[in-house]
Amino acid sequence: MARRNKDLLTLMLNKPPAEALVFGVLLAIAIWAAGFFFQLFVTPDESSPGTITTETLQPMFELIRGFLNIVAGFILLVAVLQYLVRGALLKK
């Protein structure tokens, strides 16, 4: 019986290069947007005294958003390289 559960890498390698590029770009945009909206909406309430302030959490927000930007950039780079390499190999 054939295995039905395929991992993401196998699915990406079985797609045409243009479709894999579009999927990679959309995935990178989704990860970047997650980091953007995390920093935008996850802010502490400063109404009561003794709570964590925005100034103390700002470095953590920047770290998480920076990490998500790195992951999104890496996915975008892999998608573009895969498109270029597979496109060149399919032309031969």
Foldseek 3Di string as FASTA:
>chain_A
DDDDDDDPVVVLVPDQLVVSLVVLLVVLVVLLVVLVVCLVPPADDPPDPPDDHRVVCVVVSVVSNVVSNVVSVVSNVVSVVSSVVNVVVVVD
